[in-house]
């Protein structure tokens, strides 16, 4: 079963449909995906925008949006209450005029629906940059309880193989504390994807085979993770071959419970993580599911601006699965 099929099965089995908001209603790909999600009935999609414009586009393209809830930021009855919550959520001096200006933007308005419990998650990015999608979530939803940072993971899948790669999307130069937290967030994502996590903190060194600040950072992050989460197998610093190939792991890191058997890979910085997932995707023929944003108090996920209707559909299912995992936790 693919990871999308797994997540879809989880979402279908839920007693209550998860409400996923889509701010980019002027994008035909979004409306097509929402029409399909609405038809399949496994989540409750929500659109943001002008109702007449949405209805016109839907009619012109033979899309069924019957029953889909639509919020118009320019005609929202409870805007005063949303402004009040926005100002409180910002945790800094924000004027009412500034709040209203932000809430006129679809991504901020959609994020506030999640913040106020009117939606369970949000999918955006078809027409916005990653920054424009993620920044409102960081400013308003904030990190989950016990978390201090947000990171981006990919589920890498090919046949029966399934792995987690992180961080491949958010933190450019993570320090040791950030790396340790990325490891924990990625272990939670692994469990959501029915992977029993074995976390490898990757480096160009294995167990002191090389020296330097970059190696020390990974070594220290591993120690912090092991102290905070002794119930989750983790090891580092490990080169990828030592983390992945049993014979190499046994030779380079004898006695390790993770070396040669890792399935969650934490990269030392964004550059190597981003390069690695794209190489595995393009050269190895793996499907890359993500980026899945980790560590937020409620799920918000970012699309590529080159996404297809199916990509949007799939990420909505992932987002709903994250919302379910949050409820269970």
C-alpha atoms as a PDB file:
ATOM      1  CA  UNK A   1       0.000   0.000   0.000  1.00  0.00           C
ATOM      2  CA  UNK A   2       1.402   3.386  -0.999  1.00  0.00           C
ATOM      3  CA  UNK A   3       1.760   6.110   1.602  1.00  0.00           C
ATOM      4  CA  UNK A   4      -1.045   8.082  -0.088  1.00  0.00           C
ATOM      5  CA  UNK A   5      -3.286   5.019   0.049  1.00  0.00           C
ATOM      6  CA  UNK A   6      -2.347   4.610   3.710  1.00  0.00           C
ATOM      7  CA  UNK A   7      -3.158   8.218   4.556  1.00  0.00           C
ATOM      8  CA  UNK A   8      -6.372   8.052   2.549  1.00  0.00           C
ATOM      9  CA  UNK A   9      -7.430   4.924   4.421  1.00  0.00           C
ATOM     10  CA  UNK A  10      -6.769   6.685   7.740  1.00  0.00           C
ATOM     11  CA  UNK A  11      -8.789   9.724   6.662  1.00  0.00           C
ATOM     12  CA  UNK A  12     -11.676   7.609   5.317  1.00  0.00           C
ATOM     13  CA  UNK A  13     -11.871   5.712   8.617  1.00  0.00           C
ATOM     14  CA  UNK A  14     -12.143   8.899  10.689  1.00  0.00           C
ATOM     15  CA  UNK A  15     -15.475   9.528  12.407  1.00  0.00           C
ATOM     16  CA  UNK A  16     -15.388  13.240  11.602  1.00  0.00           C
ATOM     17  CA  UNK A  17     -14.331  14.683   8.271  1.00  0.00           C
ATOM     18  CA  UNK A  18     -11.350  16.998   8.499  1.00  0.00           C
ATOM     19  CA  UNK A  19     -11.911  20.524   7.212  1.00  0.00           C
ATOM     20  CA  UNK A  20      -9.087  21.602   4.905  1.00  0.00           C
ATOM     21  CA  UNK A  21      -8.957  25.188   3.656  1.00  0.00           C
ATOM     22  CA  UNK A  22      -7.689  26.234   0.217  1.00  0.00           C
ATOM     23  CA  UNK A  23      -6.923  29.972  -0.056  1.00  0.00           C
ATOM     24  CA  UNK A  24      -6.141  30.014  -3.791  1.00  0.00           C
ATOM     25  CA  UNK A  25      -9.635  29.792  -5.268  1.00  0.00           C
ATOM     26  CA  UNK A  26      -8.644  31.763  -8.376  1.00  0.00           C
ATOM     27  CA  UNK A  27      -6.455  28.849  -9.501  1.00  0.00           C
ATOM     28  CA  UNK A  28      -8.311  26.336 -11.686  1.00  0.00           C
ATOM     29  CA  UNK A  29      -6.112  23.487 -10.419  1.00  0.00           C
ATOM     30  CA  UNK A  30      -7.286  24.191  -6.883  1.00  0.00           C
ATOM     31  CA  UNK A  31     -10.943  24.272  -7.875  1.00  0.00           C
ATOM     32  CA  UNK A  32     -10.568  21.027  -9.829  1.00  0.00           C
ATOM     33  CA  UNK A  33      -8.919  19.269  -6.875  1.00  0.00           C
ATOM     34  CA  UNK A  34     -11.547  20.646  -4.478  1.00  0.00           C
ATOM     35  CA  UNK A  35     -14.308  19.428  -6.791  1.00  0.00           C
ATOM     36  CA  UNK A  36     -12.777  15.931  -6.759  1.00  0.00           C
ATOM     37  CA  UNK A  37     -12.309  15.982  -2.982  1.00  0.00           C
ATOM     38  CA  UNK A  38     -15.882  17.147  -2.559  1.00  0.00           C
ATOM     39  CA  UNK A  39     -17.137  14.368  -4.833  1.00  0.00           C
ATOM     40  CA  UNK A  40     -15.161  11.692  -2.963  1.00  0.00           C
ATOM     41  CA  UNK A  41     -16.448  13.001   0.359  1.00  0.00           C
ATOM     42  CA  UNK A  42     -13.551  11.998   2.612  1.00  0.00           C
ATOM     43  CA  UNK A  43     -12.641  15.526   3.724  1.00  0.00           C
ATOM     44  CA  UNK A  44     -14.589  18.788   3.930  1.00  0.00           C
ATOM     45  CA  UNK A  45     -12.871  21.297   1.617  1.00  0.00           C
ATOM     46  CA  UNK A  46     -13.185  25.030   2.287  1.00  0.00           C
ATOM     47  CA  UNK A  47     -12.475  27.760  -0.274  1.00  0.00           C
ATOM     48  CA  UNK A  48     -11.538  31.398   0.245  1.00  0.00           C
ATOM     49  CA  UNK A  49     -12.528  34.027  -2.288  1.00  0.00           C
ATOM     50  CA  UNK A  50     -15.398  35.751  -4.027  1.00  0.00           C
ATOM     51  CA  UNK A  51     -18.371  33.404  -4.189  1.00  0.00           C
ATOM     52  CA  UNK A  52     -19.677  34.704  -7.516  1.00  0.00           C
ATOM     53  CA  UNK A  53     -16.274  34.419  -9.207  1.00  0.00           C
ATOM     54  CA  UNK A  54     -15.800  30.897  -7.864  1.00  0.00           C
ATOM     55  CA  UNK A  55     -19.272  29.845  -9.020  1.00  0.00           C
ATOM     56  CA  UNK A  56     -18.653  31.304 -12.485  1.00  0.00           C
ATOM     57  CA  UNK A  57     -15.322  29.490 -12.906  1.00  0.00           C
ATOM     58  CA  UNK A  58     -16.826  26.246 -11.656  1.00  0.00           C
ATOM     59  CA  UNK A  59     -19.725  26.492 -14.111  1.00  0.00           C
ATOM     60  CA  UNK A  60     -17.439  27.317 -17.039  1.00  0.00           C
ATOM     61  CA  UNK A  61     -15.299  24.265 -16.293  1.00  0.00           C
ATOM     62  CA  UNK A  62     -18.091  21.854 -15.321  1.00  0.00           C
ATOM     63  CA  UNK A  63     -16.882  21.538 -11.722  1.00  0.00           C
ATOM     64  CA  UNK A  64     -19.252  20.461  -8.960  1.00  0.00           C
ATOM     65  CA  UNK A  65     -18.711  22.572  -5.837  1.00  0.00           C
ATOM     66  CA  UNK A  66     -22.181  21.987  -4.368  1.00  0.00           C
ATOM     67  CA  UNK A  67     -22.007  22.171  -0.594  1.00  0.00           C
ATOM     68  CA  UNK A  68     -18.436  23.497  -0.453  1.00  0.00           C
ATOM     69  CA  UNK A  69     -18.136  26.232   2.157  1.00  0.00           C
ATOM     70  CA  UNK A  70     -16.725  29.509   0.816  1.00  0.00           C
ATOM     71  CA  UNK A  71     -15.420  32.377   2.958  1.00  0.00           C
ATOM     72  CA  UNK A  72     -14.968  35.815   1.422  1.00  0.00           C
ATOM     73  CA  UNK A  73     -12.442  37.957   3.353  1.00  0.00           C
ATOM     74  CA  UNK A  74     -14.132  41.079   1.981  1.00  0.00           C
ATOM     75  CA  UNK A  75     -17.546  40.018   3.249  1.00  0.00           C
ATOM     76  CA  UNK A  76     -17.002  38.094   6.468  1.00  0.00           C
ATOM     77  CA  UNK A  77     -19.486  38.690   9.258  1.00  0.00           C
ATOM     78  CA  UNK A  78     -17.122  37.803  12.107  1.00  0.00           C
ATOM     79  CA  UNK A  79     -14.148  39.830  10.892  1.00  0.00           C
ATOM     80  CA  UNK A  80     -14.020  41.938  14.072  1.00  0.00           C
ATOM     81  CA  UNK A  81     -13.550  38.797  16.169  1.00  0.00           C
ATOM     82  CA  UNK A  82     -10.923  37.498  13.745  1.00  0.00           C
ATOM     83  CA  UNK A  83      -9.037  40.801  13.986  1.00  0.00           C
ATOM     84  CA  UNK A  84      -9.029  40.502  17.771  1.00  0.00           C
ATOM     85  CA  UNK A  85      -7.679  36.944  17.702  1.00  0.00           C
ATOM     86  CA  UNK A  86      -5.125  37.929  15.040  1.00  0.00           C
ATOM     87  CA  UNK A  87      -3.705  40.700  17.225  1.00  0.00           C
ATOM     88  CA  UNK A  88      -3.478  38.344  20.214  1.00  0.00           C
ATOM     89  CA  UNK A  89      -1.837  35.619  18.133  1.00  0.00           C
ATOM     90  CA  UNK A  90       0.853  37.872  16.703  1.00  0.00           C
ATOM     91  CA  UNK A  91       2.476  38.211  20.162  1.00  0.00           C
ATOM     92  CA  UNK A  92       3.753  41.662  19.240  1.00  0.00           C
ATOM     93  CA  UNK A  93       2.371  45.150  18.783  1.00  0.00           C
ATOM     94  CA  UNK A  94      -0.033  45.035  15.850  1.00  0.00           C
ATOM     95  CA  UNK A  95      -2.582  47.744  15.112  1.00  0.00           C
ATOM     96  CA  UNK A  96      -6.140  47.003  14.090  1.00  0.00           C
ATOM     97  CA  UNK A  97      -5.465  48.546  10.684  1.00  0.00           C
ATOM     98  CA  UNK A  98      -2.430  46.303  10.178  1.00  0.00           C
ATOM     99  CA  UNK A  99      -4.451  43.239  11.177  1.00  0.00           C
ATOM    100  CA  UNK A 100      -7.252  44.071   8.741  1.00  0.00           C
ATOM    101  CA  UNK A 101      -4.749  44.621   5.934  1.00  0.00           C
ATOM    102  CA  UNK A 102      -3.177  41.219   6.556  1.00  0.00           C
ATOM    103  CA  UNK A 103      -6.533  39.459   6.780  1.00  0.00           C
ATOM    104  CA  UNK A 104      -7.495  40.808   3.367  1.00  0.00           C
ATOM    105  CA  UNK A 105      -4.823  38.428   2.026  1.00  0.00           C
ATOM    106  CA  UNK A 106      -6.133  34.914   1.437  1.00  0.00           C
ATOM    107  CA  UNK A 107      -3.253  33.060   3.103  1.00  0.00           C
ATOM    108  CA  UNK A 108      -3.566  35.047   6.330  1.00  0.00           C
ATOM    109  CA  UNK A 109      -7.344  34.678   6.321  1.00  0.00           C
ATOM    110  CA  UNK A 110      -7.066  30.917   5.723  1.00  0.00           C
ATOM    111  CA  UNK A 111      -4.480  30.538   8.447  1.00  0.00           C
ATOM    112  CA  UNK A 112      -6.790  32.336  10.854  1.00  0.00           C
ATOM    113  CA  UNK A 113      -9.604  29.893  10.063  1.00  0.00           C
ATOM    114  CA  UNK A 114      -7.243  27.144  11.242  1.00  0.00           C
ATOM    115  CA  UNK A 115      -6.154  29.202  14.243  1.00  0.00           C
ATOM    116  CA  UNK A 116      -9.758  29.775  15.307  1.00  0.00           C
ATOM    117  CA  UNK A 117     -10.770  26.129  14.893  1.00  0.00           C
ATOM    118  CA  UNK A 118     -12.953  26.754  11.842  1.00  0.00           C
ATOM    119  CA  UNK A 119     -10.676  24.509   9.774  1.00  0.00           C
ATOM    120  CA  UNK A 120      -8.351  21.649  10.698  1.00  0.00           C
ATOM    121  CA  UNK A 121      -5.571  22.403   8.221  1.00  0.00           C
ATOM    122  CA  UNK A 122      -4.572  24.405   5.170  1.00  0.00           C
ATOM    123  CA  UNK A 123      -3.049  23.681   1.755  1.00  0.00           C
ATOM    124  CA  UNK A 124      -1.559  26.542  -0.241  1.00  0.00           C
ATOM    125  CA  UNK A 125       1.371  27.314  -2.538  1.00  0.00           C
ATOM    126  CA  UNK A 126      -0.070  26.667  -6.011  1.00  0.00           C
ATOM    127  CA  UNK A 127       0.138  30.412  -6.655  1.00  0.00           C
ATOM    128  CA  UNK A 128       2.172  31.590  -3.659  1.00  0.00           C
ATOM    129  CA  UNK A 129       5.785  31.194  -2.620  1.00  0.00           C
ATOM    130  CA  UNK A 130       6.757  28.944   0.265  1.00  0.00           C
ATOM    131  CA  UNK A 131       7.456  32.032   2.373  1.00  0.00           C
ATOM    132  CA  UNK A 132       3.965  33.418   1.724  1.00  0.00           C
ATOM    133  CA  UNK A 133       2.459  30.080   2.741  1.00  0.00           C
ATOM    134  CA  UNK A 134       4.600  29.298   5.767  1.00  0.00           C
ATOM    135  CA  UNK A 135       5.097  32.751   7.300  1.00  0.00           C
ATOM    136  CA  UNK A 136       1.430  33.263   8.288  1.00  0.00           C
ATOM    137  CA  UNK A 137       1.449  29.841   9.968  1.00  0.00           C
ATOM    138  CA  UNK A 138       4.615  30.677  11.898  1.00  0.00           C
ATOM    139  CA  UNK A 139       3.200  34.042  12.965  1.00  0.00           C
ATOM    140  CA  UNK A 140      -0.287  32.888  13.908  1.00  0.00           C
ATOM    141  CA  UNK A 141      -0.466  29.132  14.559  1.00  0.00           C
ATOM    142  CA  UNK A 142       3.029  28.834  16.041  1.00  0.00           C
ATOM    143  CA  UNK A 143       4.855  25.668  17.015  1.00  0.00           C
ATOM    144  CA  UNK A 144       3.085  22.735  18.652  1.00  0.00           C
ATOM    145  CA  UNK A 145       3.305  22.247  22.410  1.00  0.00           C
ATOM    146  CA  UNK A 146       6.816  21.153  23.316  1.00  0.00           C
ATOM    147  CA  UNK A 147       8.191  22.233  19.922  1.00  0.00           C
ATOM    148  CA  UNK A 148      10.303  25.279  19.183  1.00  0.00           C
ATOM    149  CA  UNK A 149      10.830  25.004  15.441  1.00  0.00           C
ATOM    150  CA  UNK A 150       9.187  23.956  12.198  1.00  0.00           C
ATOM    151  CA  UNK A 151      10.854  21.666   9.659  1.00  0.00           C
ATOM    152  CA  UNK A 152      10.047  20.044   6.330  1.00  0.00           C
ATOM    153  CA  UNK A 153      10.194  16.294   5.662  1.00  0.00           C
ATOM    154  CA  UNK A 154       9.665  14.107   2.626  1.00  0.00           C
ATOM    155  CA  UNK A 155       8.343  10.571   2.604  1.00  0.00           C
ATOM    156  CA  UNK A 156      10.485   8.791   0.005  1.00  0.00           C
ATOM    157  CA  UNK A 157       8.714   5.742  -1.381  1.00  0.00           C
ATOM    158  CA  UNK A 158       9.427   3.072  -3.962  1.00  0.00           C
ATOM    159  CA  UNK A 159       7.556  -0.218  -3.932  1.00  0.00           C
ATOM    160  CA  UNK A 160       7.717  -1.563  -0.383  1.00  0.00           C
ATOM    161  CA  UNK A 161      10.508   0.827   0.606  1.00  0.00           C
ATOM    162  CA  UNK A 162       9.552   3.915   2.614  1.00  0.00           C
ATOM    163  CA  UNK A 163      11.873   6.421   4.312  1.00  0.00           C
ATOM    164  CA  UNK A 164      11.769   9.877   5.875  1.00  0.00           C
ATOM    165  CA  UNK A 165      14.229  12.592   4.750  1.00  0.00           C
ATOM    166  CA  UNK A 166      14.484  15.841   6.772  1.00  0.00           C
ATOM    167  CA  UNK A 167      14.997  18.751   6.845  1.00  0.00           C
ATOM    168  CA  UNK A 168      14.764  19.309   3.098  1.00  0.00           C
ATOM    169  CA  UNK A 169      12.682  22.497   3.031  1.00  0.00           C
ATOM    170  CA  UNK A 170      12.915  24.968   5.923  1.00  0.00           C
ATOM    171  CA  UNK A 171      16.037  25.262   8.126  1.00  0.00           C
ATOM    172  CA  UNK A 172      19.095  26.360   6.161  1.00  0.00           C
ATOM    173  CA  UNK A 173      21.798  25.954   8.812  1.00  0.00           C
ATOM    174  CA  UNK A 174      20.239  24.179  11.809  1.00  0.00           C
ATOM    175  CA  UNK A 175      22.161  24.163  15.078  1.00  0.00           C
ATOM    176  CA  UNK A 176      22.430  21.057  17.244  1.00  0.00           C
ATOM    177  CA  UNK A 177      19.220  21.820  19.139  1.00  0.00           C
ATOM    178  CA  UNK A 178      17.326  22.240  15.888  1.00  0.00           C
ATOM    179  CA  UNK A 179      18.748  19.022  14.457  1.00  0.00           C
ATOM    180  CA  UNK A 180      17.663  17.096  17.533  1.00  0.00           C
ATOM    181  CA  UNK A 181      14.145  18.505  17.268  1.00  0.00           C
ATOM    182  CA  UNK A 182      14.003  17.760  13.533  1.00  0.00           C
ATOM    183  CA  UNK A 183      14.863  14.171  14.423  1.00  0.00           C
ATOM    184  CA  UNK A 184      11.946  13.934  16.843  1.00  0.00           C
ATOM    185  CA  UNK A 185       9.483  15.619  14.482  1.00  0.00           C
ATOM    186  CA  UNK A 186      10.576  13.253  11.718  1.00  0.00           C
ATOM    187  CA  UNK A 187      10.092  10.235  13.973  1.00  0.00           C
ATOM    188  CA  UNK A 188       6.493  11.366  14.554  1.00  0.00           C
ATOM    189  CA  UNK A 189       5.972  11.719  10.808  1.00  0.00           C
ATOM    190  CA  UNK A 190       7.426   8.237  10.356  1.00  0.00           C
ATOM    191  CA  UNK A 191       4.889   6.794  12.797  1.00  0.00           C
ATOM    192  CA  UNK A 192       2.076   8.542  10.915  1.00  0.00           C
ATOM    193  CA  UNK A 193       3.353   6.799   7.773  1.00  0.00           C
ATOM    194  CA  UNK A 194       3.474   3.467   9.674  1.00  0.00           C
ATOM    195  CA  UNK A 195       7.271   3.412   9.759  1.00  0.00           C
ATOM    196  CA  UNK A 196       8.850   2.171  12.978  1.00  0.00           C
ATOM    197  CA  UNK A 197      11.435   4.958  13.288  1.00  0.00           C
ATOM    198  CA  UNK A 198      15.155   4.311  13.433  1.00  0.00           C
ATOM    199  CA  UNK A 199      16.766   7.730  13.237  1.00  0.00           C
ATOM    200  CA  UNK A 200      20.172   8.363  11.663  1.00  0.00           C
ATOM    201  CA  UNK A 201      21.857  11.744  12.085  1.00  0.00           C
ATOM    202  CA  UNK A 202      23.945  11.984   8.933  1.00  0.00           C
ATOM    203  CA  UNK A 203      27.422  13.396   8.396  1.00  0.00           C
ATOM    204  CA  UNK A 204      30.518  12.890   6.261  1.00  0.00           C
ATOM    205  CA  UNK A 205      31.952  11.166   9.342  1.00  0.00           C
ATOM    206  CA  UNK A 206      31.043   7.945  11.130  1.00  0.00           C
ATOM    207  CA  UNK A 207      31.798   7.748  14.842  1.00  0.00           C
ATOM    208  CA  UNK A 208      34.751  10.104  14.776  1.00  0.00           C
ATOM    209  CA  UNK A 209      36.292   9.055  11.460  1.00  0.00           C
ATOM    210  CA  UNK A 210      36.617  12.778  10.715  1.00  0.00           C
ATOM    211  CA  UNK A 211      36.820  15.871  12.882  1.00  0.00           C
ATOM    212  CA  UNK A 212      35.543  19.411  12.802  1.00  0.00           C
ATOM    213  CA  UNK A 213      32.666  21.679  13.849  1.00  0.00           C
ATOM    214  CA  UNK A 214      30.218  20.122  11.354  1.00  0.00           C
ATOM    215  CA  UNK A 215      30.882  16.670  12.778  1.00  0.00           C
ATOM    216  CA  UNK A 216      30.643  17.928  16.361  1.00  0.00           C
ATOM    217  CA  UNK A 217      27.241  19.480  15.662  1.00  0.00           C
ATOM    218  CA  UNK A 218      25.787  16.199  14.414  1.00  0.00           C
ATOM    219  CA  UNK A 219      27.388  14.209  17.229  1.00  0.00           C
ATOM    220  CA  UNK A 220      25.993  16.601  19.852  1.00  0.00           C
ATOM    221  CA  UNK A 221      22.531  16.614  18.240  1.00  0.00           C
ATOM    222  CA  UNK A 222      22.465  12.825  18.418  1.00  0.00           C
ATOM    223  CA  UNK A 223      23.381  12.884  22.107  1.00  0.00           C
ATOM    224  CA  UNK A 224      20.629  15.425  22.808  1.00  0.00           C
ATOM    225  CA  UNK A 225      18.059  13.336  20.959  1.00  0.00           C
ATOM    226  CA  UNK A 226      19.072  10.128  22.725  1.00  0.00           C
ATOM    227  CA  UNK A 227      18.779  11.817  26.116  1.00  0.00           C
ATOM    228  CA  UNK A 228      15.379  13.371  25.364  1.00  0.00           C
ATOM    229  CA  UNK A 229      13.851  10.398  23.518  1.00  0.00           C
ATOM    230  CA  UNK A 230      15.504   7.189  24.711  1.00  0.00           C
ATOM    231  CA  UNK A 231      12.477   5.200  23.511  1.00  0.00           C
ATOM    232  CA  UNK A 232      13.293   5.979  19.855  1.00  0.00           C
ATOM    233  CA  UNK A 233      16.360   4.219  18.376  1.00  0.00           C
ATOM    234  CA  UNK A 234      18.786   6.848  17.060  1.00  0.00           C
ATOM    235  CA  UNK A 235      22.476   7.067  16.270  1.00  0.00           C
ATOM    236  CA  UNK A 236      25.017   9.435  14.787  1.00  0.00           C
ATOM    237  CA  UNK A 237      27.135  10.768  13.476  1.00  0.00           C
ATOM    238  CA  UNK A 238      26.805   8.319  10.582  1.00  0.00           C
ATOM    239  CA  UNK A 239      27.716   8.425   6.919  1.00  0.00           C
ATOM    240  CA  UNK A 240      24.831   7.361   4.714  1.00  0.00           C
ATOM    241  CA  UNK A 241      26.337   4.001   3.793  1.00  0.00           C
ATOM    242  CA  UNK A 242      26.887   3.209   7.466  1.00  0.00           C
ATOM    243  CA  UNK A 243      23.299   4.207   8.230  1.00  0.00           C
ATOM    244  CA  UNK A 244      21.747   2.258   5.376  1.00  0.00           C
ATOM    245  CA  UNK A 245      23.850  -0.770   4.406  1.00  0.00           C
ATOM    246  CA  UNK A 246      23.931  -3.494   7.099  1.00  0.00           C
ATOM    247  CA  UNK A 247      27.417  -4.775   6.244  1.00  0.00           C
ATOM    248  CA  UNK A 248      28.874  -1.260   6.236  1.00  0.00           C
ATOM    249  CA  UNK A 249      27.029  -0.319   9.416  1.00  0.00           C
ATOM    250  CA  UNK A 250      28.365  -3.385  11.205  1.00  0.00           C
ATOM    251  CA  UNK A 251      31.897  -2.551  10.112  1.00  0.00           C
ATOM    252  CA  UNK A 252      31.863   1.204  10.761  1.00  0.00           C
ATOM    253  CA  UNK A 253      29.548   1.333  13.794  1.00  0.00           C
ATOM    254  CA  UNK A 254      29.626  -2.101  15.460  1.00  0.00           C
ATOM    255  CA  UNK A 255      26.998  -2.574  18.131  1.00  0.00           C
ATOM    256  CA  UNK A 256      24.732   0.198  16.836  1.00  0.00           C
ATOM    257  CA  UNK A 257      21.009  -0.609  16.808  1.00  0.00           C
ATOM    258  CA  UNK A 258      20.487   1.870  13.973  1.00  0.00           C
ATOM    259  CA  UNK A 259      23.520   1.597  11.700  1.00  0.00           C
ATOM    260  CA  UNK A 260      22.609  -0.375   8.591  1.00  0.00           C
ATOM    261  CA  UNK A 261      18.893  -0.274   9.437  1.00  0.00           C
ATOM    262  CA  UNK A 262      17.954   3.430   9.534  1.00  0.00           C
ATOM    263  CA  UNK A 263      14.732   4.610   7.928  1.00  0.00           C
ATOM    264  CA  UNK A 264      14.615   8.226   9.144  1.00  0.00           C
ATOM    265  CA  UNK A 265      17.502  10.325   7.843  1.00  0.00           C
ATOM    266  CA  UNK A 266      18.293  13.710   9.384  1.00  0.00           C
ATOM    267  CA  UNK A 267      20.589  15.786   7.196  1.00  0.00           C
ATOM    268  CA  UNK A 268      23.104  18.193   8.745  1.00  0.00           C
ATOM    269  CA  UNK A 269      21.807  21.185   6.798  1.00  0.00           C
ATOM    270  CA  UNK A 270      19.211  22.085   4.179  1.00  0.00           C
ATOM    271  CA  UNK A 271      21.521  22.033   1.188  1.00  0.00           C
ATOM    272  CA  UNK A 272      22.488  18.365   1.535  1.00  0.00           C
ATOM    273  CA  UNK A 273      18.940  17.328   2.402  1.00  0.00           C
ATOM    274  CA  UNK A 274      17.405  19.071  -0.582  1.00  0.00           C
ATOM    275  CA  UNK A 275      20.032  17.692  -2.967  1.00  0.00           C
ATOM    276  CA  UNK A 276      19.663  14.178  -1.567  1.00  0.00           C
ATOM    277  CA  UNK A 277      15.889  13.910  -1.877  1.00  0.00           C
ATOM    278  CA  UNK A 278      15.949  15.200  -5.454  1.00  0.00           C
ATOM    279  CA  UNK A 279      18.720  12.753  -6.413  1.00  0.00           C
ATOM    280  CA  UNK A 280      16.879   9.814  -4.865  1.00  0.00           C
ATOM    281  CA  UNK A 281      13.693  10.941  -6.608  1.00  0.00           C
ATOM    282  CA  UNK A 282      15.221  11.467 -10.053  1.00  0.00           C
ATOM    283  CA  UNK A 283      17.987   8.863 -10.149  1.00  0.00           C
ATOM    284  CA  UNK A 284      16.482   6.278  -7.834  1.00  0.00           C
ATOM    285  CA  UNK A 285      12.921   6.417  -9.104  1.00  0.00           C
ATOM    286  CA  UNK A 286      11.422   7.173  -5.687  1.00  0.00           C
ATOM    287  CA  UNK A 287       8.250   9.152  -5.175  1.00  0.00           C
ATOM    288  CA  UNK A 288       8.815  12.177  -2.957  1.00  0.00           C
ATOM    289  CA  UNK A 289       5.764  13.003  -0.843  1.00  0.00           C
ATOM    290  CA  UNK A 290       6.097  16.472   0.630  1.00  0.00           C
ATOM    291  CA  UNK A 291       7.361  18.711   1.895  1.00  0.00           C
ATOM    292  CA  UNK A 292       5.318  17.816   4.955  1.00  0.00           C
ATOM    293  CA  UNK A 293       5.666  20.665   7.444  1.00  0.00           C
ATOM    294  CA  UNK A 294       6.444  19.357  10.907  1.00  0.00           C
ATOM    295  CA  UNK A 295       6.185  20.954  14.337  1.00  0.00           C
ATOM    296  CA  UNK A 296       3.219  23.303  13.820  1.00  0.00           C
ATOM    297  CA  UNK A 297       0.338  23.327  16.277  1.00  0.00           C
ATOM    298  CA  UNK A 298      -1.991  22.618  13.308  1.00  0.00           C
ATOM    299  CA  UNK A 299      -1.087  21.336   9.848  1.00  0.00           C
ATOM    300  CA  UNK A 300      -0.320  23.788   7.060  1.00  0.00           C
ATOM    301  CA  UNK A 301       1.342  22.413   3.936  1.00  0.00           C
ATOM    302  CA  UNK A 302       2.999  23.986   0.945  1.00  0.00           C
ATOM    303  CA  UNK A 303       2.458  23.057  -2.699  1.00  0.00           C
ATOM    304  CA  UNK A 304       4.888  23.561  -5.528  1.00  0.00           C
ATOM    305  CA  UNK A 305       3.761  26.273  -7.930  1.00  0.00           C
ATOM    306  CA  UNK A 306       4.132  23.663 -10.675  1.00  0.00           C
ATOM    307  CA  UNK A 307       1.753  21.262  -8.929  1.00  0.00           C
ATOM    308  CA  UNK A 308      -0.983  19.282 -10.638  1.00  0.00           C
ATOM    309  CA  UNK A 309      -4.587  18.757  -9.537  1.00  0.00           C
ATOM    310  CA  UNK A 310      -3.538  15.319  -8.269  1.00  0.00           C
ATOM    311  CA  UNK A 311      -0.700  16.845  -6.220  1.00  0.00           C
ATOM    312  CA  UNK A 312      -3.206  19.151  -4.552  1.00  0.00           C
ATOM    313  CA  UNK A 313      -5.608  16.292  -3.890  1.00  0.00           C
ATOM    314  CA  UNK A 314      -2.837  14.166  -2.400  1.00  0.00           C
ATOM    315  CA  UNK A 315      -1.456  16.923  -0.164  1.00  0.00           C
ATOM    316  CA  UNK A 316      -4.945  17.601   1.149  1.00  0.00           C
ATOM    317  CA  UNK A 317      -5.150  13.950   2.209  1.00  0.00           C
ATOM    318  CA  UNK A 318      -1.728  14.196   3.886  1.00  0.00           C
ATOM    319  CA  UNK A 319      -2.863  17.341   5.713  1.00  0.00           C
ATOM    320  CA  UNK A 320      -6.028  15.629   6.919  1.00  0.00           C
ATOM    321  CA  UNK A 321      -3.956  12.660   8.125  1.00  0.00           C
ATOM    322  CA  UNK A 322      -1.732  15.064  10.080  1.00  0.00           C
ATOM    323  CA  UNK A 323      -4.818  16.594  11.672  1.00  0.00           C
ATOM    324  CA  UNK A 324      -5.968  13.124  12.701  1.00  0.00           C
ATOM    325  CA  UNK A 325      -2.538  12.322  14.158  1.00  0.00           C
ATOM    326  CA  UNK A 326      -2.703  15.587  16.121  1.00  0.00           C
ATOM    327  CA  UNK A 327      -6.103  14.598  17.539  1.00  0.00           C
ATOM    328  CA  UNK A 328      -4.816  11.172  18.548  1.00  0.00           C
ATOM    329  CA  UNK A 329      -1.762  12.673  20.248  1.00  0.00           C
END
